[in-house]
Amino acid sequence: MTQIFKPDDTMPDSELTVPKMLEMMMISGNPKRVLDHLVTLVDEIGWFGTLLVTHKDWDKPELHRRSMQLIAEQVMPRFGQHVATQQAAD
């Protein structure tokens, strides 16, 4: 199963730690950081079709709403513009 988590077959199993997997597979942070990571990802691998957003269950529902609002208003519109521009150039 470790092979599916490695960016390439040459990575030793000993380097595949939980912190390393989180670093490689999770995007988090403020809207600019998330957008920058998504743009880098789509530029590297191409359009992947679906983006799954998960989040921590906040003790305060307003924090959950704020997180979803930031994604909807600040990240996805700009990300969509970037993808549309890239697809038009292809």
PDB file of N, CA and C in Angstrom:
ATOM      1  N   MET A   1       0.809  -1.204   0.000  1.00  0.00           N
ATOM      2  CA  MET A   1       0.000   0.000   0.000  1.00  0.00           C
ATOM      3  C   MET A   1       0.857   1.275   0.000  1.00  0.00           C
ATOM      4  N   THR A   2       2.096   1.186   0.455  1.00  0.00           N
ATOM      5  CA  THR A   2       2.911   2.398   0.535  1.00  0.00           C
ATOM      6  C   THR A   2       3.155   3.014  -0.839  1.00  0.00           C
ATOM      7  N   GLN A   3       3.147   2.203  -1.883  1.00  0.00           N
ATOM      8  CA  GLN A   3       3.424   2.706  -3.228  1.00  0.00           C
ATOM      9  C   GLN A   3       2.432   3.796  -3.650  1.00  0.00           C
ATOM     10  N   ILE A   4       1.183   3.702  -3.225  1.00  0.00           N
ATOM     11  CA  ILE A   4       0.199   4.696  -3.658  1.00  0.00           C
ATOM     12  C   ILE A   4       0.425   6.053  -3.006  1.00  0.00           C
ATOM     13  N   PHE A   5       1.193   6.087  -1.931  1.00  0.00           N
ATOM     14  CA  PHE A   5       1.455   7.349  -1.236  1.00  0.00           C
ATOM     15  C   PHE A   5       2.777   7.988  -1.655  1.00  0.00           C
ATOM     16  N   LYS A   6       3.585   7.299  -2.398  1.00  0.00           N
ATOM     17  CA  LYS A   6       4.902   7.809  -2.790  1.00  0.00           C
ATOM     18  C   LYS A   6       4.809   8.584  -4.096  1.00  0.00           C
ATOM     19  N   PRO A   7       5.525   9.708  -4.189  1.00  0.00           N
ATOM     20  CA  PRO A   7       5.536  10.456  -5.448  1.00  0.00           C
ATOM     21  C   PRO A   7       6.288   9.715  -6.553  1.00  0.00           C
ATOM     22  N   ASP A   8       7.205   8.835  -6.173  1.00  0.00           N
ATOM     23  CA  ASP A   8       7.881   7.981  -7.147  1.00  0.00           C
ATOM     24  C   ASP A   8       8.397   6.724  -6.448  1.00  0.00           C
ATOM     25  N   ASP A   9       8.707   5.715  -7.239  1.00  0.00           N
ATOM     26  CA  ASP A   9       9.099   4.409  -6.692  1.00  0.00           C
ATOM     27  C   ASP A   9      10.453   4.419  -5.991  1.00  0.00           C
ATOM     28  N   THR A  10      11.251   5.446  -6.225  1.00  0.00           N
ATOM     29  CA  THR A  10      12.582   5.469  -5.623  1.00  0.00           C
ATOM     30  C   THR A  10      12.574   5.962  -4.183  1.00  0.00           C
ATOM     31  N   MET A  11      11.468   6.499  -3.726  1.00  0.00           N
ATOM     32  CA  MET A  11      11.384   6.993  -2.350  1.00  0.00           C
ATOM     33  C   MET A  11      11.423   5.812  -1.377  1.00  0.00           C
ATOM     34  N   PRO A  12      12.380   5.817  -0.446  1.00  0.00           N
ATOM     35  CA  PRO A  12      12.449   4.717   0.524  1.00  0.00           C
ATOM     36  C   PRO A  12      11.232   4.725   1.451  1.00  0.00           C
ATOM     37  N   ASP A  13      10.800   3.542   1.873  1.00  0.00           N
ATOM     38  CA  ASP A  13       9.674   3.442   2.797  1.00  0.00           C
ATOM     39  C   ASP A  13       9.921   4.244   4.072  1.00  0.00           C
ATOM     40  N   SER A  14      11.159   4.300   4.506  1.00  0.00           N
ATOM     41  CA  SER A  14      11.485   5.001   5.759  1.00  0.00           C
ATOM     42  C   SER A  14      11.183   6.503   5.685  1.00  0.00           C
ATOM     43  N   GLU A  15      11.142   7.062   4.483  1.00  0.00           N
ATOM     44  CA  GLU A  15      10.832   8.491   4.330  1.00  0.00           C
ATOM     45  C   GLU A  15       9.337   8.761   4.275  1.00  0.00           C
ATOM     46  N   LEU A  16       8.544   7.734   4.185  1.00  0.00           N
ATOM     47  CA  LEU A  16       7.096   7.880   4.079  1.00  0.00           C
ATOM     48  C   LEU A  16       6.482   7.915   5.484  1.00  0.00           C
ATOM     49  N   THR A  17       6.611   9.058   6.116  1.00  0.00           N
ATOM     50  CA  THR A  17       6.072   9.258   7.459  1.00  0.00           C
ATOM     51  C   THR A  17       4.727   9.970   7.361  1.00  0.00           C
ATOM     52  N   VAL A  18       3.978   9.956   8.431  1.00  0.00           N
ATOM     53  CA  VAL A  18       2.692  10.661   8.436  1.00  0.00           C
ATOM     54  C   VAL A  18       2.887  12.149   8.159  1.00  0.00           C
ATOM     55  N   PRO A  19       3.838  12.834   8.822  1.00  0.00           N
ATOM     56  CA  PRO A  19       4.031  14.251   8.488  1.00  0.00           C
ATOM     57  C   PRO A  19       4.381  14.481   7.020  1.00  0.00           C
ATOM     58  N   LYS A  20       5.190  13.600   6.440  1.00  0.00           N
ATOM     59  CA  LYS A  20       5.566  13.737   5.033  1.00  0.00           C
ATOM     60  C   LYS A  20       4.348  13.536   4.130  1.00  0.00           C
ATOM     61  N   MET A  21       3.503  12.543   4.446  1.00  0.00           N
ATOM     62  CA  MET A  21       2.306  12.312   3.644  1.00  0.00           C
ATOM     63  C   MET A  21       1.366  13.515   3.728  1.00  0.00           C
ATOM     64  N   LEU A  22       1.207  14.075   4.917  1.00  0.00           N
ATOM     65  CA  LEU A  22       0.355  15.258   5.056  1.00  0.00           C
ATOM     66  C   LEU A  22       0.912  16.425   4.251  1.00  0.00           C
ATOM     67  N   GLU A  23       2.211  16.597   4.289  1.00  0.00           N
ATOM     68  CA  GLU A  23       2.853  17.666   3.514  1.00  0.00           C
ATOM     69  C   GLU A  23       2.617  17.491   2.018  1.00  0.00           C
ATOM     70  N   MET A  24       2.683  16.261   1.546  1.00  0.00           N
ATOM     71  CA  MET A  24       2.546  15.987   0.121  1.00  0.00           C
ATOM     72  C   MET A  24       1.099  16.000  -0.357  1.00  0.00           C
ATOM     73  N   MET A  25       0.138  15.672   0.516  1.00  0.00           N
ATOM     74  CA  MET A  25      -1.228  15.432   0.056  1.00  0.00           C
ATOM     75  C   MET A  25      -2.277  16.405   0.568  1.00  0.00           C
ATOM     76  N   MET A  26      -1.927  17.264   1.492  1.00  0.00           N
ATOM     77  CA  MET A  26      -2.939  18.145   2.067  1.00  0.00           C
ATOM     78  C   MET A  26      -2.600  19.599   1.763  1.00  0.00           C
ATOM     79  N   ILE A  27      -3.604  20.354   1.388  1.00  0.00           N
ATOM     80  CA  ILE A  27      -3.452  21.784   1.152  1.00  0.00           C
ATOM     81  C   ILE A  27      -4.267  22.497   2.207  1.00  0.00           C
ATOM     82  N   SER A  28      -3.623  23.358   2.950  1.00  0.00           N
ATOM     83  CA  SER A  28      -4.329  24.109   3.987  1.00  0.00           C
ATOM     84  C   SER A  28      -3.675  25.469   4.146  1.00  0.00           C
ATOM     85  N   GLY A  29      -4.377  26.358   4.810  1.00  0.00           N
ATOM     86  CA  GLY A  29      -3.826  27.681   5.084  1.00  0.00           C
ATOM     87  C   GLY A  29      -4.801  28.766   4.708  1.00  0.00           C
ATOM     88  N   ASN A  30      -4.272  29.962   4.577  1.00  0.00           N
ATOM     89  CA  ASN A  30      -5.120  31.103   4.220  1.00  0.00           C
ATOM     90  C   ASN A  30      -5.492  31.007   2.738  1.00  0.00           C
ATOM     91  N   PRO A  31      -6.461  31.801   2.287  1.00  0.00           N
ATOM     92  CA  PRO A  31      -6.916  31.697   0.894  1.00  0.00           C
ATOM     93  C   PRO A  31      -5.795  31.809  -0.143  1.00  0.00           C
ATOM     94  N   LYS A  32      -4.849  32.713   0.065  1.00  0.00           N
ATOM     95  CA  LYS A  32      -3.755  32.876  -0.905  1.00  0.00           C
ATOM     96  C   LYS A  32      -2.901  31.619  -0.982  1.00  0.00           C
ATOM     97  N   ARG A  33      -2.577  31.050   0.166  1.00  0.00           N
ATOM     98  CA  ARG A  33      -1.755  29.838   0.199  1.00  0.00           C
ATOM     99  C   ARG A  33      -2.485  28.682  -0.489  1.00  0.00           C
ATOM    100  N   VAL A  34      -3.763  28.505  -0.191  1.00  0.00           N
ATOM    101  CA  VAL A  34      -4.533  27.422  -0.800  1.00  0.00           C
ATOM    102  C   VAL A  34      -4.614  27.622  -2.312  1.00  0.00           C
ATOM    103  N   LEU A  35      -4.912  28.842  -2.749  1.00  0.00           N
ATOM    104  CA  LEU A  35      -4.974  29.128  -4.181  1.00  0.00           C
ATOM    105  C   LEU A  35      -3.633  28.864  -4.855  1.00  0.00           C
ATOM    106  N   ASP A  36      -2.545  29.322  -4.260  1.00  0.00           N
ATOM    107  CA  ASP A  36      -1.213  29.103  -4.832  1.00  0.00           C
ATOM    108  C   ASP A  36      -0.922  27.614  -4.993  1.00  0.00           C
ATOM    109  N   HIS A  37      -1.275  26.819  -3.990  1.00  0.00           N
ATOM    110  CA  HIS A  37      -1.029  25.375  -4.067  1.00  0.00           C
ATOM    111  C   HIS A  37      -1.893  24.715  -5.135  1.00  0.00           C
ATOM    112  N   LEU A  38      -3.146  25.131  -5.233  1.00  0.00           N
ATOM    113  CA  LEU A  38      -4.018  24.559  -6.261  1.00  0.00           C
ATOM    114  C   LEU A  38      -3.528  24.907  -7.664  1.00  0.00           C
ATOM    115  N   VAL A  39      -3.107  26.138  -7.855  1.00  0.00           N
ATOM    116  CA  VAL A  39      -2.575  26.564  -9.155  1.00  0.00           C
ATOM    117  C   VAL A  39      -1.327  25.757  -9.500  1.00  0.00           C
ATOM    118  N   THR A  40      -0.434  25.599  -8.544  1.00  0.00           N
ATOM    119  CA  THR A  40       0.772  24.807  -8.774  1.00  0.00           C
ATOM    120  C   THR A  40       0.412  23.370  -9.125  1.00  0.00           C
ATOM    121  N   LEU A  41      -0.548  22.792  -8.415  1.00  0.00           N
ATOM    122  CA  LEU A  41      -0.959  21.422  -8.668  1.00  0.00           C
ATOM    123  C   LEU A  41      -1.530  21.257 -10.075  1.00  0.00           C
ATOM    124  N   VAL A  42      -2.463  22.118 -10.456  1.00  0.00           N
ATOM    125  CA  VAL A  42      -3.089  21.974 -11.776  1.00  0.00           C
ATOM    126  C   VAL A  42      -2.088  22.282 -12.890  1.00  0.00           C
ATOM    127  N   ASP A  43      -1.143  23.181 -12.647  1.00  0.00           N
ATOM    128  CA  ASP A  43      -0.114  23.452 -13.652  1.00  0.00           C
ATOM    129  C   ASP A  43       0.824  22.261 -13.820  1.00  0.00           C
ATOM    130  N   GLU A  44       1.031  21.524 -12.743  1.00  0.00           N
ATOM    131  CA  GLU A  44       1.945  20.383 -12.801  1.00  0.00           C
ATOM    132  C   GLU A  44       1.286  19.138 -13.397  1.00  0.00           C
ATOM    133  N   ILE A  45       0.054  18.836 -12.979  1.00  0.00           N
ATOM    134  CA  ILE A  45      -0.552  17.567 -13.407  1.00  0.00           C
ATOM    135  C   ILE A  45      -1.685  17.725 -14.408  1.00  0.00           C
ATOM    136  N   GLY A  46      -2.138  18.948 -14.624  1.00  0.00           N
ATOM    137  CA  GLY A  46      -3.274  19.177 -15.505  1.00  0.00           C
ATOM    138  C   GLY A  46      -4.572  19.173 -14.715  1.00  0.00           C
ATOM    139  N   TRP A  47      -5.660  19.492 -15.407  1.00  0.00           N
ATOM    140  CA  TRP A  47      -6.964  19.578 -14.753  1.00  0.00           C
ATOM    141  C   TRP A  47      -7.395  18.191 -14.292  1.00  0.00           C
ATOM    142  N   PHE A  48      -7.842  18.116 -13.070  1.00  0.00           N
ATOM    143  CA  PHE A  48      -8.202  16.831 -12.484  1.00  0.00           C
ATOM    144  C   PHE A  48      -9.704  16.656 -12.313  1.00  0.00           C
ATOM    145  N   GLY A  49     -10.496  17.663 -12.634  1.00  0.00           N
ATOM    146  CA  GLY A  49     -11.941  17.517 -12.707  1.00  0.00           C
ATOM    147  C   GLY A  49     -12.727  17.785 -11.447  1.00  0.00           C
ATOM    148  N   THR A  50     -12.316  17.268 -10.315  1.00  0.00           N
ATOM    149  CA  THR A  50     -13.084  17.423  -9.084  1.00  0.00           C
ATOM    150  C   THR A  50     -12.150  17.797  -7.945  1.00  0.00           C
ATOM    151  N   LEU A  51     -12.594  18.727  -7.147  1.00  0.00           N
ATOM    152  CA  LEU A  51     -11.839  19.122  -5.957  1.00  0.00           C
ATOM    153  C   LEU A  51     -12.682  18.772  -4.742  1.00  0.00           C
ATOM    154  N   LEU A  52     -12.134  17.967  -3.863  1.00  0.00           N
ATOM    155  CA  LEU A  52     -12.815  17.568  -2.648  1.00  0.00           C
ATOM    156  C   LEU A  52     -12.305  18.424  -1.499  1.00  0.00           C
ATOM    157  N   VAL A  53     -13.208  19.094  -0.831  1.00  0.00           N
ATOM    158  CA  VAL A  53     -12.842  19.941   0.296  1.00  0.00           C
ATOM    159  C   VAL A  53     -13.288  19.250   1.576  1.00  0.00           C
ATOM    160  N   THR A  54     -12.366  19.064   2.471  1.00  0.00           N
ATOM    161  CA  THR A  54     -12.692  18.533   3.789  1.00  0.00           C
ATOM    162  C   THR A  54     -12.199  19.533   4.820  1.00  0.00           C
ATOM    163  N   HIS A  55     -12.664  19.390   6.016  1.00  0.00           N
ATOM    164  CA  HIS A  55     -12.244  20.329   7.058  1.00  0.00           C
ATOM    165  C   HIS A  55     -12.451  19.709   8.415  1.00  0.00           C
ATOM    166  N   LYS A  56     -11.852  20.333   9.376  1.00  0.00           N
ATOM    167  CA  LYS A  56     -12.002  19.915  10.760  1.00  0.00           C
ATOM    168  C   LYS A  56     -13.396  20.300  11.241  1.00  0.00           C
ATOM    169  N   ASP A  57     -13.993  19.467  12.046  1.00  0.00           N
ATOM    170  CA  ASP A  57     -15.264  19.843  12.661  1.00  0.00           C
ATOM    171  C   ASP A  57     -14.976  20.846  13.775  1.00  0.00           C
ATOM    172  N   TRP A  58     -15.320  22.064  13.516  1.00  0.00           N
ATOM    173  CA  TRP A  58     -15.032  23.130  14.462  1.00  0.00           C
ATOM    174  C   TRP A  58     -15.982  23.070  15.656  1.00  0.00           C
ATOM    175  N   ASP A  59     -15.484  23.471  16.799  1.00  0.00           N
ATOM    176  CA  ASP A  59     -16.343  23.607  17.980  1.00  0.00           C
ATOM    177  C   ASP A  59     -17.326  24.745  17.802  1.00  0.00           C
ATOM    178  N   LYS A  60     -16.931  25.698  16.975  1.00  0.00           N
ATOM    179  CA  LYS A  60     -17.773  26.863  16.738  1.00  0.00           C
ATOM    180  C   LYS A  60     -18.234  26.844  15.283  1.00  0.00           C
ATOM    181  N   PRO A  61     -19.533  26.689  15.051  1.00  0.00           N
ATOM    182  CA  PRO A  61     -20.043  26.594  13.674  1.00  0.00           C
ATOM    183  C   PRO A  61     -19.673  27.790  12.810  1.00  0.00           C
ATOM    184  N   GLU A  62     -19.494  28.959  13.399  1.00  0.00           N
ATOM    185  CA  GLU A  62     -19.154  30.132  12.589  1.00  0.00           C
ATOM    186  C   GLU A  62     -17.772  29.984  11.938  1.00  0.00           C
ATOM    187  N   LEU A  63     -16.867  29.234  12.561  1.00  0.00           N
ATOM    188  CA  LEU A  63     -15.552  29.008  11.954  1.00  0.00           C
ATOM    189  C   LEU A  63     -15.671  28.113  10.722  1.00  0.00           C
ATOM    190  N   HIS A  64     -16.525  27.112  10.799  1.00  0.00           N
ATOM    191  CA  HIS A  64     -16.785  26.256   9.646  1.00  0.00           C
ATOM    192  C   HIS A  64     -17.392  27.077   8.510  1.00  0.00           C
ATOM    193  N   ARG A  65     -18.385  27.872   8.818  1.00  0.00           N
ATOM    194  CA  ARG A  65     -19.015  28.709   7.790  1.00  0.00           C
ATOM    195  C   ARG A  65     -17.999  29.671   7.175  1.00  0.00           C
ATOM    196  N   ARG A  66     -17.150  30.247   7.991  1.00  0.00           N
ATOM    197  CA  ARG A  66     -16.143  31.189   7.486  1.00  0.00           C
ATOM    198  C   ARG A  66     -15.159  30.486   6.552  1.00  0.00           C
ATOM    199  N   SER A  67     -14.753  29.282   6.902  1.00  0.00           N
ATOM    200  CA  SER A  67     -13.848  28.525   6.053  1.00  0.00           C
ATOM    201  C   SER A  67     -14.483  28.243   4.693  1.00  0.00           C
ATOM    202  N   MET A  68     -15.718  27.786   4.685  1.00  0.00           N
ATOM    203  CA  MET A  68     -16.416  27.510   3.432  1.00  0.00           C
ATOM    204  C   MET A  68     -16.635  28.798   2.635  1.00  0.00           C
ATOM    205  N   GLN A  69     -16.900  29.888   3.323  1.00  0.00           N
ATOM    206  CA  GLN A  69     -17.088  31.182   2.654  1.00  0.00           C
ATOM    207  C   GLN A  69     -15.792  31.623   1.979  1.00  0.00           C
ATOM    208  N   LEU A  70     -14.669  31.480   2.656  1.00  0.00           N
ATOM    209  CA  LEU A  70     -13.387  31.863   2.058  1.00  0.00           C
ATOM    210  C   LEU A  70     -13.074  31.027   0.821  1.00  0.00           C
ATOM    211  N   ILE A  71     -13.362  29.728   0.891  1.00  0.00           N
ATOM    212  CA  ILE A  71     -13.138  28.871  -0.276  1.00  0.00           C
ATOM    213  C   ILE A  71     -14.034  29.303  -1.434  1.00  0.00           C
ATOM    214  N   ALA A  72     -15.311  29.529  -1.123  1.00  0.00           N
ATOM    215  CA  ALA A  72     -16.282  29.871  -2.165  1.00  0.00           C
ATOM    216  C   ALA A  72     -16.037  31.246  -2.770  1.00  0.00           C
ATOM    217  N   GLU A  73     -15.648  32.199  -1.962  1.00  0.00           N
ATOM    218  CA  GLU A  73     -15.545  33.583  -2.442  1.00  0.00           C
ATOM    219  C   GLU A  73     -14.139  33.989  -2.880  1.00  0.00           C
ATOM    220  N   GLN A  74     -13.106  33.447  -2.239  1.00  0.00           N
ATOM    221  CA  GLN A  74     -11.754  33.923  -2.533  1.00  0.00           C
ATOM    222  C   GLN A  74     -10.881  32.919  -3.275  1.00  0.00           C
ATOM    223  N   VAL A  75     -11.137  31.640  -3.083  1.00  0.00           N
ATOM    224  CA  VAL A  75     -10.269  30.636  -3.709  1.00  0.00           C
ATOM    225  C   VAL A  75     -10.844  30.145  -5.041  1.00  0.00           C
ATOM    226  N   MET A  76     -12.036  29.593  -5.014  1.00  0.00           N
ATOM    227  CA  MET A  76     -12.571  28.928  -6.201  1.00  0.00           C
ATOM    228  C   MET A  76     -12.793  29.843  -7.403  1.00  0.00           C
ATOM    229  N   PRO A  77     -13.273  31.066  -7.223  1.00  0.00           N
ATOM    230  CA  PRO A  77     -13.410  31.922  -8.419  1.00  0.00           C
ATOM    231  C   PRO A  77     -12.069  32.171  -9.109  1.00  0.00           C
ATOM    232  N   ARG A  78     -11.038  32.439  -8.341  1.00  0.00           N
ATOM    233  CA  ARG A  78      -9.712  32.692  -8.928  1.00  0.00           C
ATOM    234  C   ARG A  78      -9.119  31.419  -9.510  1.00  0.00           C
ATOM    235  N   PHE A  79      -9.340  30.309  -8.820  1.00  0.00           N
ATOM    236  CA  PHE A  79      -8.847  29.037  -9.337  1.00  0.00           C
ATOM    237  C   PHE A  79      -9.557  28.689 -10.646  1.00  0.00           C
ATOM    238  N   GLY A  80     -10.850  28.886 -10.688  1.00  0.00           N
ATOM    239  CA  GLY A  80     -11.613  28.637 -11.911  1.00  0.00           C
ATOM    240  C   GLY A  80     -11.133  29.500 -13.066  1.00  0.00           C
ATOM    241  N   GLN A  81     -10.814  30.763 -12.796  1.00  0.00           N
ATOM    242  CA  GLN A  81     -10.286  31.651 -13.833  1.00  0.00           C
ATOM    243  C   GLN A  81      -8.949  31.132 -14.347  1.00  0.00           C
ATOM    244  N   HIS A  82      -8.108  30.679 -13.441  1.00  0.00           N
ATOM    245  CA  HIS A  82      -6.799  30.159 -13.841  1.00  0.00           C
ATOM    246  C   HIS A  82      -6.962  28.931 -14.736  1.00  0.00           C
ATOM    247  N   VAL A  83      -7.816  28.005 -14.309  1.00  0.00           N
ATOM    248  CA  VAL A  83      -8.034  26.779 -15.090  1.00  0.00           C
ATOM    249  C   VAL A  83      -8.605  27.116 -16.464  1.00  0.00           C
ATOM    250  N   ALA A  84      -9.570  28.027 -16.514  1.00  0.00           N
ATOM    251  CA  ALA A  84     -10.177  28.414 -17.807  1.00  0.00           C
ATOM    252  C   ALA A  84      -9.120  29.022 -18.721  1.00  0.00           C
ATOM    253  N   THR A  85      -8.256  29.843 -18.188  1.00  0.00           N
ATOM    254  CA  THR A  85      -7.186  30.450 -18.974  1.00  0.00           C
ATOM    255  C   THR A  85      -6.240  29.386 -19.504  1.00  0.00           C
ATOM    256  N   GLN A  86      -5.893  28.413 -18.653  1.00  0.00           N
ATOM    257  CA  GLN A  86      -4.983  27.340 -19.063  1.00  0.00           C
ATOM    258  C   GLN A  86      -5.631  26.470 -20.139  1.00  0.00           C
ATOM    259  N   GLN A  87      -6.904  26.168 -19.988  1.00  0.00           N
ATOM    260  CA  GLN A  87      -7.584  25.314 -20.959  1.00  0.00           C
ATOM    261  C   GLN A  87      -7.756  26.037 -22.287  1.00  0.00           C
ATOM    262  N   ALA A  88      -7.975  27.347 -22.257  1.00  0.00           N
ATOM    263  CA  ALA A  88      -8.108  28.129 -23.492  1.00  0.00           C
ATOM    264  C   ALA A  88      -6.787  28.180 -24.246  1.00  0.00           C
ATOM    265  N   ALA A  89      -5.691  28.141 -23.505  1.00  0.00           N
ATOM    266  CA  ALA A  89      -4.369  28.203 -24.144  1.00  0.00           C
ATOM    267  C   ALA A  89      -3.978  26.867 -24.784  1.00  0.00           C
ATOM    268  N   ASP A  90      -4.595  25.785 -24.344  1.00  0.00           N
ATOM    269  CA  ASP A  90      -4.250  24.459 -24.879  1.00  0.00           C
ATOM    270  C   ASP A  90      -4.763  24.228 -26.252  1.00  0.00           C
TER     271      ASP A  90
END
